[in-house]
């Protein structure tokens, strides 16, 4: 089974360049995590980014959330958001 996390981030239009820089750093660090299986990002429109993460286990994801690296990068990333990002989580079935 895979632990799936989908994040929808709505950003302020006037900070897109800054968000892009922070998003790139966030994704690079995310993909380096040992139990992260993959991470993909798309723009739904100019102000809505969607991030899809696949983790080997929920514990692996929770451990990543507890890391200082995540907290620092997530704080930078979400500072450009209009509101709190929508985060959906689900364990897949075989």
PDB file of N, CA and C in Angstrom:
ATOM      1  N   UNK A   1       0.839  -1.189   0.000  1.00  0.00           N
ATOM      2  CA  UNK A   1       0.000   0.000   0.000  1.00  0.00           C
ATOM      3  C   UNK A   1       0.880   1.249   0.000  1.00  0.00           C
ATOM      4  N   UNK A   2       0.362   2.276  -0.578  1.00  0.00           N
ATOM      5  CA  UNK A   2       1.076   3.550  -0.697  1.00  0.00           C
ATOM      6  C   UNK A   2       0.271   4.624   0.027  1.00  0.00           C
ATOM      7  N   UNK A   3       0.968   5.510   0.703  1.00  0.00           N
ATOM      8  CA  UNK A   3       0.319   6.637   1.371  1.00  0.00           C
ATOM      9  C   UNK A   3       0.370   7.822   0.411  1.00  0.00           C
ATOM     10  N   UNK A   4      -0.795   8.287   0.004  1.00  0.00           N
ATOM     11  CA  UNK A   4      -0.930   9.347  -0.991  1.00  0.00           C
ATOM     12  C   UNK A   4      -1.309  10.654  -0.308  1.00  0.00           C
ATOM     13  N   UNK A   5      -0.609  11.736  -0.662  1.00  0.00           N
ATOM     14  CA  UNK A   5      -0.891  13.061  -0.103  1.00  0.00           C
ATOM     15  C   UNK A   5      -1.037  14.036  -1.265  1.00  0.00           C
ATOM     16  N   UNK A   6      -2.166  14.747  -1.293  1.00  0.00           N
ATOM     17  CA  UNK A   6      -2.416  15.742  -2.338  1.00  0.00           C
ATOM     18  C   UNK A   6      -2.587  17.093  -1.662  1.00  0.00           C
ATOM     19  N   UNK A   7      -1.797  18.068  -2.107  1.00  0.00           N
ATOM     20  CA  UNK A   7      -1.849  19.409  -1.525  1.00  0.00           C
ATOM     21  C   UNK A   7      -2.234  20.404  -2.608  1.00  0.00           C
ATOM     22  N   UNK A   8      -3.235  21.230  -2.299  1.00  0.00           N
ATOM     23  CA  UNK A   8      -3.655  22.294  -3.207  1.00  0.00           C
ATOM     24  C   UNK A   8      -3.272  23.627  -2.569  1.00  0.00           C
ATOM     25  N   UNK A   9      -2.442  24.388  -3.265  1.00  0.00           N
ATOM     26  CA  UNK A   9      -1.948  25.660  -2.737  1.00  0.00           C
ATOM     27  C   UNK A   9      -2.420  26.798  -3.634  1.00  0.00           C
ATOM     28  N   UNK A  10      -3.178  27.715  -3.065  1.00  0.00           N
ATOM     29  CA  UNK A  10      -3.648  28.892  -3.806  1.00  0.00           C
ATOM     30  C   UNK A  10      -2.778  30.071  -3.390  1.00  0.00           C
ATOM     31  N   UNK A  11      -2.112  30.665  -4.373  1.00  0.00           N
ATOM     32  CA  UNK A  11      -1.160  31.727  -4.058  1.00  0.00           C
ATOM     33  C   UNK A  11      -1.670  33.101  -4.475  1.00  0.00           C
ATOM     34  N   UNK A  12      -1.024  34.102  -3.917  1.00  0.00           N
ATOM     35  CA  UNK A  12      -1.287  35.488  -4.293  1.00  0.00           C
ATOM     36  C   UNK A  12      -0.608  35.740  -5.641  1.00  0.00           C
ATOM     37  N   UNK A  13      -1.311  36.372  -6.561  1.00  0.00           N
ATOM     38  CA  UNK A  13      -0.772  36.590  -7.910  1.00  0.00           C
ATOM     39  C   UNK A  13       0.530  37.380  -7.921  1.00  0.00           C
ATOM     40  N   UNK A  14       0.648  38.347  -7.038  1.00  0.00           N
ATOM     41  CA  UNK A  14       1.814  39.236  -7.075  1.00  0.00           C
ATOM     42  C   UNK A  14       3.087  38.613  -6.505  1.00  0.00           C
ATOM     43  N   UNK A  15       3.021  37.389  -5.989  1.00  0.00           N
ATOM     44  CA  UNK A  15       4.213  36.746  -5.419  1.00  0.00           C
ATOM     45  C   UNK A  15       4.574  35.442  -6.138  1.00  0.00           C
ATOM     46  N   UNK A  16       4.071  35.269  -7.345  1.00  0.00           N
ATOM     47  CA  UNK A  16       4.284  34.008  -8.060  1.00  0.00           C
ATOM     48  C   UNK A  16       5.762  33.695  -8.259  1.00  0.00           C
ATOM     49  N   UNK A  17       6.580  34.676  -8.588  1.00  0.00           N
ATOM     50  CA  UNK A  17       8.013  34.430  -8.813  1.00  0.00           C
ATOM     51  C   UNK A  17       8.677  33.911  -7.539  1.00  0.00           C
ATOM     52  N   UNK A  18       8.362  34.523  -6.414  1.00  0.00           N
ATOM     53  CA  UNK A  18       8.913  34.074  -5.134  1.00  0.00           C
ATOM     54  C   UNK A  18       8.414  32.671  -4.794  1.00  0.00           C
ATOM     55  N   UNK A  19       7.131  32.428  -5.026  1.00  0.00           N
ATOM     56  CA  UNK A  19       6.558  31.109  -4.764  1.00  0.00           C
ATOM     57  C   UNK A  19       7.242  30.050  -5.621  1.00  0.00           C
ATOM     58  N   UNK A  20       7.449  30.350  -6.898  1.00  0.00           N
ATOM     59  CA  UNK A  20       8.113  29.397  -7.798  1.00  0.00           C
ATOM     60  C   UNK A  20       9.481  28.988  -7.260  1.00  0.00           C
ATOM     61  N   UNK A  21      10.236  29.950  -6.768  1.00  0.00           N
ATOM     62  CA  UNK A  21      11.564  29.666  -6.205  1.00  0.00           C
ATOM     63  C   UNK A  21      11.444  28.757  -4.984  1.00  0.00           C
ATOM     64  N   UNK A  22      10.551  29.104  -4.070  1.00  0.00           N
ATOM     65  CA  UNK A  22      10.359  28.294  -2.860  1.00  0.00           C
ATOM     66  C   UNK A  22       9.791  26.910  -3.182  1.00  0.00           C
ATOM     67  N   UNK A  23       8.922  26.845  -4.186  1.00  0.00           N
ATOM     68  CA  UNK A  23       8.314  25.575  -4.592  1.00  0.00           C
ATOM     69  C   UNK A  23       9.379  24.632  -5.156  1.00  0.00           C
ATOM     70  N   UNK A  24      10.287  25.176  -5.941  1.00  0.00           N
ATOM     71  CA  UNK A  24      11.369  24.374  -6.512  1.00  0.00           C
ATOM     72  C   UNK A  24      12.251  23.785  -5.405  1.00  0.00           C
ATOM     73  N   UNK A  25      12.600  24.596  -4.427  1.00  0.00           N
ATOM     74  CA  UNK A  25      13.408  24.121  -3.291  1.00  0.00           C
ATOM     75  C   UNK A  25      12.641  23.046  -2.518  1.00  0.00           C
ATOM     76  N   UNK A  26      11.364  23.306  -2.258  1.00  0.00           N
ATOM     77  CA  UNK A  26      10.536  22.348  -1.520  1.00  0.00           C
ATOM     78  C   UNK A  26      10.496  20.997  -2.237  1.00  0.00           C
ATOM     79  N   UNK A  27      10.258  21.022  -3.554  1.00  0.00           N
ATOM     80  CA  UNK A  27      10.170  19.778  -4.322  1.00  0.00           C
ATOM     81  C   UNK A  27      11.492  19.017  -4.346  1.00  0.00           C
ATOM     82  N   UNK A  28      12.583  19.730  -4.530  1.00  0.00           N
ATOM     83  CA  UNK A  28      13.895  19.072  -4.553  1.00  0.00           C
ATOM     84  C   UNK A  28      14.170  18.363  -3.233  1.00  0.00           C
ATOM     85  N   UNK A  29      13.885  19.030  -2.127  1.00  0.00           N
ATOM     86  CA  UNK A  29      14.100  18.419  -0.812  1.00  0.00           C
ATOM     87  C   UNK A  29      13.145  17.255  -0.566  1.00  0.00           C
ATOM     88  N   UNK A  30      11.915  17.412  -0.996  1.00  0.00           N
ATOM     89  CA  UNK A  30      10.920  16.351  -0.836  1.00  0.00           C
ATOM     90  C   UNK A  30      11.355  15.087  -1.570  1.00  0.00           C
ATOM     91  N   UNK A  31      11.813  15.246  -2.798  1.00  0.00           N
ATOM     92  CA  UNK A  31      12.203  14.088  -3.609  1.00  0.00           C
ATOM     93  C   UNK A  31      13.447  13.380  -3.074  1.00  0.00           C
ATOM     94  N   UNK A  32      14.206  14.041  -2.228  1.00  0.00           N
ATOM     95  CA  UNK A  32      15.407  13.437  -1.642  1.00  0.00           C
ATOM     96  C   UNK A  32      15.092  12.573  -0.422  1.00  0.00           C
ATOM     97  N   UNK A  33      13.876  12.641   0.065  1.00  0.00           N
ATOM     98  CA  UNK A  33      13.522  11.876   1.265  1.00  0.00           C
ATOM     99  C   UNK A  33      13.570  10.381   0.945  1.00  0.00           C
ATOM    100  N   UNK A  34      14.202   9.587   1.801  1.00  0.00           N
ATOM    101  CA  UNK A  34      14.441   8.176   1.479  1.00  0.00           C
ATOM    102  C   UNK A  34      13.188   7.332   1.256  1.00  0.00           C
ATOM    103  N   UNK A  35      12.088   7.633   1.927  1.00  0.00           N
ATOM    104  CA  UNK A  35      10.886   6.818   1.771  1.00  0.00           C
ATOM    105  C   UNK A  35       9.798   7.513   0.956  1.00  0.00           C
ATOM    106  N   UNK A  36      10.167   8.608   0.292  1.00  0.00           N
ATOM    107  CA  UNK A  36       9.256   9.260  -0.650  1.00  0.00           C
ATOM    108  C   UNK A  36       9.388   8.533  -1.979  1.00  0.00           C
ATOM    109  N   UNK A  37       8.285   8.038  -2.496  1.00  0.00           N
ATOM    110  CA  UNK A  37       8.315   7.287  -3.748  1.00  0.00           C
ATOM    111  C   UNK A  37       8.300   8.202  -4.961  1.00  0.00           C
ATOM    112  N   UNK A  38       7.556   9.302  -4.874  1.00  0.00           N
ATOM    113  CA  UNK A  38       7.528  10.269  -5.969  1.00  0.00           C
ATOM    114  C   UNK A  38       6.799  11.527  -5.524  1.00  0.00           C
ATOM    115  N   UNK A  39       7.021  12.581  -6.290  1.00  0.00           N
ATOM    116  CA  UNK A  39       6.330  13.851  -6.052  1.00  0.00           C
ATOM    117  C   UNK A  39       6.170  14.537  -7.400  1.00  0.00           C
ATOM    118  N   UNK A  40       4.961  14.965  -7.695  1.00  0.00           N
ATOM    119  CA  UNK A  40       4.666  15.643  -8.948  1.00  0.00           C
ATOM    120  C   UNK A  40       3.875  16.908  -8.654  1.00  0.00           C
ATOM    121  N   UNK A  41       4.137  17.944  -9.422  1.00  0.00           N
ATOM    122  CA  UNK A  41       3.438  19.216  -9.229  1.00  0.00           C
ATOM    123  C   UNK A  41       2.905  19.713 -10.565  1.00  0.00           C
ATOM    124  N   UNK A  42       1.739  20.328 -10.510  1.00  0.00           N
ATOM    125  CA  UNK A  42       1.155  20.945 -11.703  1.00  0.00           C
ATOM    126  C   UNK A  42       0.502  22.267 -11.307  1.00  0.00           C
ATOM    127  N   UNK A  43       0.347  23.131 -12.281  1.00  0.00           N
ATOM    128  CA  UNK A  43      -0.420  24.364 -12.100  1.00  0.00           C
ATOM    129  C   UNK A  43      -1.802  24.132 -12.698  1.00  0.00           C
ATOM    130  N   UNK A  44      -2.852  24.222 -11.868  1.00  0.00           N
ATOM    131  CA  UNK A  44      -4.226  24.132 -12.363  1.00  0.00           C
ATOM    132  C   UNK A  44      -4.581  25.388 -13.141  1.00  0.00           C
ATOM    133  N   UNK A  45      -4.092  26.506 -12.652  1.00  0.00           N
ATOM    134  CA  UNK A  45      -4.248  27.809 -13.291  1.00  0.00           C
ATOM    135  C   UNK A  45      -3.143  28.691 -12.717  1.00  0.00           C
ATOM    136  N   UNK A  46      -3.047  29.961 -13.095  1.00  0.00           N
ATOM    137  CA  UNK A  46      -1.908  30.778 -12.653  1.00  0.00           C
ATOM    138  C   UNK A  46      -1.743  30.954 -11.138  1.00  0.00           C
ATOM    139  N   UNK A  47      -2.772  30.665 -10.364  1.00  0.00           N
ATOM    140  CA  UNK A  47      -2.647  30.857  -8.911  1.00  0.00           C
ATOM    141  C   UNK A  47      -2.926  29.599  -8.089  1.00  0.00           C
ATOM    142  N   UNK A  48      -3.116  28.463  -8.732  1.00  0.00           N
ATOM    143  CA  UNK A  48      -3.414  27.215  -8.018  1.00  0.00           C
ATOM    144  C   UNK A  48      -2.435  26.114  -8.398  1.00  0.00           C
ATOM    145  N   UNK A  49      -1.603  25.736  -7.433  1.00  0.00           N
ATOM    146  CA  UNK A  49      -0.648  24.650  -7.641  1.00  0.00           C
ATOM    147  C   UNK A  49      -1.140  23.405  -6.912  1.00  0.00           C
ATOM    148  N   UNK A  50      -0.912  22.258  -7.521  1.00  0.00           N
ATOM    149  CA  UNK A  50      -1.274  20.982  -6.908  1.00  0.00           C
ATOM    150  C   UNK A  50      -0.011  20.134  -6.815  1.00  0.00           C
ATOM    151  N   UNK A  51       0.208  19.584  -5.640  1.00  0.00           N
ATOM    152  CA  UNK A  51       1.357  18.721  -5.382  1.00  0.00           C
ATOM    153  C   UNK A  51       0.839  17.342  -4.986  1.00  0.00           C
ATOM    154  N   UNK A  52       1.306  16.312  -5.683  1.00  0.00           N
ATOM    155  CA  UNK A  52       0.922  14.933  -5.384  1.00  0.00           C
ATOM    156  C   UNK A  52       2.164  14.201  -4.894  1.00  0.00           C
ATOM    157  N   UNK A  53       2.080  13.690  -3.669  1.00  0.00           N
ATOM    158  CA  UNK A  53       3.202  12.969  -3.061  1.00  0.00           C
ATOM    159  C   UNK A  53       2.794  11.517  -2.837  1.00  0.00           C
ATOM    160  N   UNK A  54       3.735  10.618  -3.063  1.00  0.00           N
ATOM    161  CA  UNK A  54       3.510   9.203  -2.781  1.00  0.00           C
ATOM    162  C   UNK A  54       4.598   8.745  -1.812  1.00  0.00           C
ATOM    163  N   UNK A  55       4.162   8.169  -0.704  1.00  0.00           N
ATOM    164  CA  UNK A  55       5.075   7.728   0.357  1.00  0.00           C
ATOM    165  C   UNK A  55       4.931   6.232   0.573  1.00  0.00           C
ATOM    166  N   UNK A  56       6.003   5.603   1.031  1.00  0.00           N
ATOM    167  CA  UNK A  56       5.964   4.159   1.273  1.00  0.00           C
ATOM    168  C   UNK A  56       5.025   3.811   2.429  1.00  0.00           C
ATOM    169  N   UNK A  57       4.957   4.693   3.445  1.00  0.00           N
ATOM    170  CA  UNK A  57       4.064   4.468   4.590  1.00  0.00           C
ATOM    171  C   UNK A  57       3.608   5.813   5.167  1.00  0.00           C
ATOM    172  N   UNK A  58       2.545   5.763   5.946  1.00  0.00           N
ATOM    173  CA  UNK A  58       2.085   6.962   6.645  1.00  0.00           C
ATOM    174  C   UNK A  58       3.147   7.420   7.643  1.00  0.00           C
ATOM    175  N   UNK A  59       3.799   6.474   8.306  1.00  0.00           N
ATOM    176  CA  UNK A  59       4.839   6.820   9.272  1.00  0.00           C
ATOM    177  C   UNK A  59       5.981   7.585   8.598  1.00  0.00           C
ATOM    178  N   UNK A  60       6.360   7.180   7.406  1.00  0.00           N
ATOM    179  CA  UNK A  60       7.430   7.879   6.681  1.00  0.00           C
ATOM    180  C   UNK A  60       7.026   9.332   6.434  1.00  0.00           C
ATOM    181  N   UNK A  61       5.773   9.543   6.047  1.00  0.00           N
ATOM    182  CA  UNK A  61       5.276  10.900   5.817  1.00  0.00           C
ATOM    183  C   UNK A  61       5.247  11.692   7.126  1.00  0.00           C
ATOM    184  N   UNK A  62       4.729  11.076   8.178  1.00  0.00           N
ATOM    185  CA  UNK A  62       4.659  11.751   9.479  1.00  0.00           C
ATOM    186  C   UNK A  62       6.049  12.115  10.002  1.00  0.00           C
ATOM    187  N   UNK A  63       7.016  11.232   9.800  1.00  0.00           N
ATOM    188  CA  UNK A  63       8.396  11.523  10.214  1.00  0.00           C
ATOM    189  C   UNK A  63       8.942  12.720   9.444  1.00  0.00           C
ATOM    190  N   UNK A  64       8.634  12.783   8.157  1.00  0.00           N
ATOM    191  CA  UNK A  64       9.070  13.920   7.342  1.00  0.00           C
ATOM    192  C   UNK A  64       8.426  15.216   7.845  1.00  0.00           C
ATOM    193  N   UNK A  65       7.146  15.168   8.177  1.00  0.00           N
ATOM    194  CA  UNK A  65       6.456  16.360   8.691  1.00  0.00           C
ATOM    195  C   UNK A  65       7.084  16.869   9.983  1.00  0.00           C
ATOM    196  N   UNK A  66       7.631  15.976  10.768  1.00  0.00           N
ATOM    197  CA  UNK A  66       8.243  16.351  12.045  1.00  0.00           C
ATOM    198  C   UNK A  66       9.652  16.924  11.885  1.00  0.00           C
ATOM    199  N   UNK A  67      10.221  16.819  10.692  1.00  0.00           N
ATOM    200  CA  UNK A  67      11.598  17.278  10.482  1.00  0.00           C
ATOM    201  C   UNK A  67      11.680  18.806  10.397  1.00  0.00           C
ATOM    202  N   UNK A  68      12.799  19.338  10.846  1.00  0.00           N
ATOM    203  CA  UNK A  68      13.026  20.787  10.770  1.00  0.00           C
ATOM    204  C   UNK A  68      13.094  21.252   9.319  1.00  0.00           C
ATOM    205  N   UNK A  69      13.651  20.408   8.457  1.00  0.00           N
ATOM    206  CA  UNK A  69      13.752  20.743   7.033  1.00  0.00           C
ATOM    207  C   UNK A  69      12.362  21.001   6.445  1.00  0.00           C
ATOM    208  N   UNK A  70      11.417  20.090   6.730  1.00  0.00           N
ATOM    209  CA  UNK A  70      10.058  20.280   6.234  1.00  0.00           C
ATOM    210  C   UNK A  70       9.447  21.550   6.805  1.00  0.00           C
ATOM    211  N   UNK A  71       9.542  21.718   8.113  1.00  0.00           N
ATOM    212  CA  UNK A  71       8.918  22.872   8.766  1.00  0.00           C
ATOM    213  C   UNK A  71       9.424  24.187   8.182  1.00  0.00           C
ATOM    214  N   UNK A  72      10.723  24.282   7.955  1.00  0.00           N
ATOM    215  CA  UNK A  72      11.306  25.502   7.397  1.00  0.00           C
ATOM    216  C   UNK A  72      10.830  25.738   5.969  1.00  0.00           C
ATOM    217  N   UNK A  73      10.933  24.712   5.129  1.00  0.00           N
ATOM    218  CA  UNK A  73      10.552  24.866   3.722  1.00  0.00           C
ATOM    219  C   UNK A  73       9.052  25.068   3.545  1.00  0.00           C
ATOM    220  N   UNK A  74       8.243  24.387   4.351  1.00  0.00           N
ATOM    221  CA  UNK A  74       6.781  24.532   4.268  1.00  0.00           C
ATOM    222  C   UNK A  74       6.365  25.936   4.699  1.00  0.00           C
ATOM    223  N   UNK A  75       6.992  26.453   5.722  1.00  0.00           N
ATOM    224  CA  UNK A  75       6.694  27.803   6.192  1.00  0.00           C
ATOM    225  C   UNK A  75       6.987  28.838   5.104  1.00  0.00           C
ATOM    226  N   UNK A  76       8.119  28.700   4.445  1.00  0.00           N
ATOM    227  CA  UNK A  76       8.467  29.614   3.345  1.00  0.00           C
ATOM    228  C   UNK A  76       7.460  29.497   2.212  1.00  0.00           C
ATOM    229  N   UNK A  77       7.112  28.270   1.870  1.00  0.00           N
ATOM    230  CA  UNK A  77       6.202  28.032   0.756  1.00  0.00           C
ATOM    231  C   UNK A  77       4.811  28.586   1.040  1.00  0.00           C
ATOM    232  N   UNK A  78       4.284  28.317   2.210  1.00  0.00           N
ATOM    233  CA  UNK A  78       2.914  28.723   2.519  1.00  0.00           C
ATOM    234  C   UNK A  78       2.783  30.207   2.859  1.00  0.00           C
ATOM    235  N   UNK A  79       3.899  30.887   3.048  1.00  0.00           N
ATOM    236  CA  UNK A  79       3.816  32.331   3.313  1.00  0.00           C
ATOM    237  C   UNK A  79       3.276  33.091   2.100  1.00  0.00           C
ATOM    238  N   UNK A  80       3.348  32.491   0.929  1.00  0.00           N
ATOM    239  CA  UNK A  80       2.834  33.113  -0.293  1.00  0.00           C
ATOM    240  C   UNK A  80       1.422  32.656  -0.644  1.00  0.00           C
ATOM    241  N   UNK A  81       0.816  31.851   0.215  1.00  0.00           N
ATOM    242  CA  UNK A  81      -0.531  31.338  -0.048  1.00  0.00           C
ATOM    243  C   UNK A  81      -1.594  32.294   0.488  1.00  0.00           C
ATOM    244  N   UNK A  82      -2.731  32.298  -0.174  1.00  0.00           N
ATOM    245  CA  UNK A  82      -3.854  33.141   0.243  1.00  0.00           C
ATOM    246  C   UNK A  82      -4.480  32.595   1.524  1.00  0.00           C
ATOM    247  N   UNK A  83      -4.597  31.270   1.598  1.00  0.00           N
ATOM    248  CA  UNK A  83      -5.165  30.642   2.790  1.00  0.00           C
ATOM    249  C   UNK A  83      -4.421  29.344   3.073  1.00  0.00           C
ATOM    250  N   UNK A  84      -4.829  28.668   4.113  1.00  0.00           N
ATOM    251  CA  UNK A  84      -4.183  27.407   4.477  1.00  0.00           C
ATOM    252  C   UNK A  84      -4.379  26.397   3.342  1.00  0.00           C
ATOM    253  N   UNK A  85      -3.301  25.758   2.890  1.00  0.00           N
ATOM    254  CA  UNK A  85      -3.433  24.787   1.799  1.00  0.00           C
ATOM    255  C   UNK A  85      -4.360  23.629   2.169  1.00  0.00           C
ATOM    256  N   UNK A  86      -5.102  23.170   1.180  1.00  0.00           N
ATOM    257  CA  UNK A  86      -5.946  21.994   1.349  1.00  0.00           C
ATOM    258  C   UNK A  86      -5.044  20.769   1.214  1.00  0.00           C
ATOM    259  N   UNK A  87      -5.082  19.881   2.201  1.00  0.00           N
ATOM    260  CA  UNK A  87      -4.253  18.677   2.183  1.00  0.00           C
ATOM    261  C   UNK A  87      -5.162  17.461   2.336  1.00  0.00           C
ATOM    262  N   UNK A  88      -5.127  16.588   1.334  1.00  0.00           N
ATOM    263  CA  UNK A  88      -5.902  15.352   1.361  1.00  0.00           C
ATOM    264  C   UNK A  88      -4.937  14.185   1.501  1.00  0.00           C
ATOM    265  N   UNK A  89      -5.297  13.200   2.340  1.00  0.00           N
ATOM    266  CA  UNK A  89      -4.421  12.048   2.583  1.00  0.00           C
ATOM    267  C   UNK A  89      -5.236  10.769   2.478  1.00  0.00           C
ATOM    268  N   UNK A  90      -4.610   9.748   1.887  1.00  0.00           N
ATOM    269  CA  UNK A  90      -5.308   8.473   1.725  1.00  0.00           C
ATOM    270  C   UNK A  90      -4.299   7.345   1.556  1.00  0.00           C
ATOM    271  N   UNK A  91      -4.572   6.217   2.174  1.00  0.00           N
ATOM    272  CA  UNK A  91      -3.776   5.017   1.945  1.00  0.00           C
ATOM    273  C   UNK A  91      -4.435   4.243   0.818  1.00  0.00           C
ATOM    274  N   UNK A  92      -3.648   3.859  -0.175  1.00  0.00           N
ATOM    275  CA  UNK A  92      -4.204   3.113  -1.299  1.00  0.00           C
ATOM    276  C   UNK A  92      -4.478   1.673  -0.881  1.00  0.00           C
ATOM    277  N   UNK A  93      -5.309   1.005  -1.659  1.00  0.00           N
ATOM    278  CA  UNK A  93      -5.597  -0.404  -1.420  1.00  0.00           C
ATOM    279  C   UNK A  93      -5.000  -1.214  -2.560  1.00  0.00           C
ATOM    280  N   UNK A  94      -4.752  -2.472  -2.291  1.00  0.00           N
ATOM    281  CA  UNK A  94      -4.176  -3.350  -3.332  1.00  0.00           C
ATOM    282  C   UNK A  94      -5.216  -3.750  -4.335  1.00  0.00           C
TER     283      UNK A  94
END
